[in-house]
Protein backbone atom coordinates (compact mmCIF):
# COMPACT_ATOMS: atom_id res chain seq x y z
CA UNK A 1 68.25 129.41 93.02
CA UNK A 2 70.77 130.22 95.16
CA UNK A 3 69.77 128.81 97.99
CA UNK A 4 69.47 124.95 96.32
CA UNK A 5 72.75 125.12 94.87
CA UNK A 6 73.66 125.88 98.29
CA UNK A 7 72.10 122.83 99.55
CA UNK A 8 73.23 120.88 97.11
CA UNK A 9 76.81 121.96 97.66
CA UNK A 10 76.96 121.63 101.24
CA UNK A 11 75.24 117.69 100.46
CA UNK A 12 77.91 116.93 98.00
CA UNK A 13 80.99 118.37 100.24
CA UNK A 14 79.77 116.40 103.35
CA UNK A 15 79.74 113.10 101.23
CA UNK A 16 82.83 113.53 99.91
CA UNK A 17 84.27 114.58 103.12
CA UNK A 18 82.70 111.27 104.77
CA UNK A 19 83.95 109.35 102.18
CA UNK A 20 87.61 110.54 102.61
CA UNK A 21 87.80 109.41 106.57
CA UNK A 22 89.39 106.31 108.21
CA UNK A 23 87.82 102.65 107.33
CA UNK A 24 91.07 101.79 107.60
CA UNK A 25 93.40 100.28 110.79
CA UNK A 26 95.18 102.96 112.38
CA UNK A 27 99.23 103.64 111.05
CA UNK A 28 101.91 102.55 113.45
CA UNK A 29 103.44 106.37 113.89
CA UNK A 30 104.70 107.93 116.86
CA UNK A 31 101.38 109.92 117.35
CA UNK A 32 98.97 106.86 117.66
CA UNK A 33 102.03 105.26 119.83
CA UNK A 34 101.69 107.16 122.93
CA UNK A 35 98.74 107.59 125.40
CA UNK A 36 95.71 108.32 124.09
CA UNK A 37 96.61 107.58 120.61
CA UNK A 38 97.30 104.22 121.40
CA UNK A 39 93.94 104.06 123.32
CA UNK A 40 91.64 105.29 120.05
CA UNK A 41 94.06 103.20 117.27
CA UNK A 42 93.35 99.96 119.60
CA UNK A 43 89.64 100.98 119.66
CA UNK A 44 89.55 100.47 116.08
CA UNK A 45 90.49 97.04 115.73
CA UNK A 46 87.60 94.53 116.39
CA UNK A 47 87.83 90.68 117.23
CA UNK A 48 87.96 89.48 113.36
CA UNK A 49 91.50 92.22 113.04
CA UNK A 50 93.27 90.54 116.25
CA UNK A 51 96.43 89.67 113.99
CA UNK A 52 96.69 93.16 113.15
CA UNK A 53 96.12 94.30 116.21
CA UNK A 54 99.63 92.14 117.46
CA UNK A 55 101.17 93.95 114.52
CA UNK A 56 100.65 97.09 115.84
CA UNK A 57 101.41 96.49 118.94
CA UNK A 58 104.59 95.32 118.47
CA UNK A 59 105.50 97.86 115.78
CA UNK A 60 104.95 100.58 118.44
CA UNK A 61 106.49 98.55 121.30
CA UNK A 62 109.80 98.54 118.36
CA UNK A 63 109.09 102.24 117.94
CA UNK A 64 109.38 103.10 120.86
CA UNK A 65 112.91 101.30 121.45
C-alpha cells in the first residue's frame, strides 16, 4: 500500500509543480535584462506578443541606464 501512496503523491506533486511554472511573460529585472537572461526572456515572446516584446526591451533599456 505504501508504494501506491508514494506513486499518487509523486503524481500529485508533479502536477502541482507543473502548474506553478511560467506560462506568463518574463518580468523586467536585472537577471532577465542581461546576457543569457535576455536571450531566454526574448524566446518567450511570440509573433502575437510583439508589442509586449517591445515593452520588455524598452524596460530593459531604461533599467540599464
